[in-house]
Amino acid sequence: MGRPNGNFSVRLWESRFCQNLYLHTSSWKPPAGVTAEVFFTALKERGLAWDPEALQGVLVYQHFQGQSSAYVAASANSWETVDSYIGRLQELMTDLSELGSGS
């Protein structure tokens, strides 16, 4: 068996915690120029980055400029909290896509 697929990997990561997490895994295609550093800095600036104390946030586990990349939005609180993170993350992705396209 090769490396575990993304969802299985996320579940393995979740198993490290004492409580279950509400998880939403997905992917997006970051534009060229949006490096992992740029993306992570933007996540932190908008309060979206994974917070191990609060057990919630967004964790990027695969990032390739111009190619399919993967992330998980997770929370120990509720699906509503996850949905809030997803909405704010989609806004960030739109902003970064416009930045990458030069708009």
Protein backbone atom coordinates (compact mmCIF):
# COMPACT_ATOMS: atom_id res chain seq x y z
CA MET A 1 0.00 0.00 0.00
CA GLY A 2 1.28 3.47 -0.90
CA ARG A 3 0.58 6.61 1.05
CA PRO A 4 -2.94 6.93 2.47
CA ASN A 5 -5.41 9.01 0.46
CA GLY A 6 -6.23 12.50 1.73
CA ASN A 7 -9.40 11.71 3.67
CA PHE A 8 -7.80 8.72 5.37
CA SER A 9 -4.77 10.84 6.27
CA VAL A 10 -7.03 13.50 7.78
CA ARG A 11 -8.84 10.87 9.86
CA LEU A 12 -5.49 9.56 11.10
CA TRP A 13 -4.54 13.13 12.06
CA GLU A 14 -7.91 13.55 13.83
CA SER A 15 -7.34 10.38 15.85
CA ARG A 16 -4.51 12.14 17.71
CA PHE A 17 -7.08 14.24 19.59
CA CYS A 18 -9.17 13.20 22.58
CA GLN A 19 -12.39 14.30 20.92
CA ASN A 20 -13.89 13.93 17.48
CA LEU A 21 -13.70 16.82 15.07
CA TYR A 22 -16.19 18.02 12.49
CA LEU A 23 -14.17 17.81 9.26
CA HIS A 24 -14.58 19.19 5.76
CA THR A 25 -11.88 18.20 3.28
CA SER A 26 -11.67 19.68 -0.17
CA SER A 27 -9.30 21.01 -2.79
CA TRP A 28 -8.64 24.09 -4.88
CA LYS A 29 -6.20 25.15 -7.56
CA PRO A 30 -4.04 28.01 -6.27
CA PRO A 31 -2.81 30.30 -9.03
CA ALA A 32 0.87 30.55 -9.91
CA GLY A 33 2.58 32.91 -7.50
CA VAL A 34 0.50 31.88 -4.51
CA THR A 35 3.18 29.97 -2.64
CA ALA A 36 2.56 27.94 0.49
CA GLU A 37 4.08 30.81 2.49
CA VAL A 38 1.75 33.38 0.92
CA PHE A 39 -1.28 31.15 1.53
CA PHE A 40 -0.36 30.32 5.13
CA THR A 41 0.35 33.98 5.93
CA ALA A 42 -3.06 34.94 4.51
CA LEU A 43 -4.74 32.19 6.59
CA LYS A 44 -3.09 33.52 9.75
CA GLU A 45 -3.92 37.16 8.95
CA ARG A 46 -7.61 36.30 8.55
CA GLY A 47 -7.75 34.13 11.66
CA LEU A 48 -8.32 30.96 9.65
CA ALA A 49 -5.15 28.97 10.41
CA TRP A 50 -5.46 25.82 12.53
CA ASP A 51 -5.48 26.66 16.24
CA PRO A 52 -4.43 23.59 18.26
CA GLU A 53 -5.64 25.18 21.51
CA ALA A 54 -9.17 25.83 20.21
CA LEU A 55 -9.18 22.69 18.02
CA GLN A 56 -10.46 24.57 14.99
CA GLY A 57 -9.28 26.17 11.79
CA VAL A 58 -7.95 25.38 8.35
CA LEU A 59 -4.99 23.10 7.76
CA VAL A 60 -3.46 22.88 4.29
CA TYR A 61 -1.91 19.46 3.84
CA GLN A 62 -1.00 19.62 0.16
CA HIS A 63 -0.08 22.79 -1.74
CA PHE A 64 1.06 23.07 -5.36
CA GLN A 65 0.95 26.34 -7.30
CA GLY A 66 -1.31 25.98 -10.31
CA GLN A 67 -2.28 22.40 -9.43
CA SER A 68 -4.92 20.72 -7.31
CA SER A 69 -4.14 21.28 -3.62
CA ALA A 70 -5.87 19.95 -0.51
CA TYR A 71 -7.01 21.31 2.83
CA VAL A 72 -9.23 20.48 5.78
CA ALA A 73 -11.46 22.83 7.76
CA ALA A 74 -12.02 21.35 11.19
CA SER A 75 -13.66 22.19 14.49
CA ALA A 76 -14.39 20.44 17.75
CA ASN A 77 -17.40 22.77 18.16
CA SER A 78 -19.93 22.18 15.39
CA TRP A 79 -20.73 21.98 11.70
CA GLU A 80 -21.77 25.64 11.90
CA THR A 81 -18.23 26.57 12.93
CA VAL A 82 -16.81 24.53 10.03
CA ASP A 83 -19.26 26.22 7.64
CA SER A 84 -18.11 29.62 8.89
CA TYR A 85 -14.49 28.69 8.21
CA ILE A 86 -15.38 27.42 4.73
CA GLY A 87 -17.20 30.65 3.85
CA ARG A 88 -14.31 32.81 5.00
CA LEU A 89 -11.80 30.51 3.27
CA GLN A 90 -13.70 30.78 -0.03
CA GLU A 91 -13.50 34.58 0.23
CA LEU A 92 -9.75 34.33 0.79
CA MET A 93 -9.34 31.96 -2.17
CA THR A 94 -11.23 34.39 -4.41
CA ASP A 95 -9.01 37.25 -3.27
CA LEU A 96 -5.85 35.20 -3.85
CA SER A 97 -7.08 34.04 -7.27
CA GLU A 98 -7.62 37.67 -8.29
CA LEU A 99 -4.16 38.53 -6.96
CA GLY A 100 -2.63 35.65 -8.94
CA SER A 101 -4.40 36.68 -12.15
CA GLY A 102 -3.31 40.29 -11.78
CA SER A 103 -6.88 41.65 -11.48
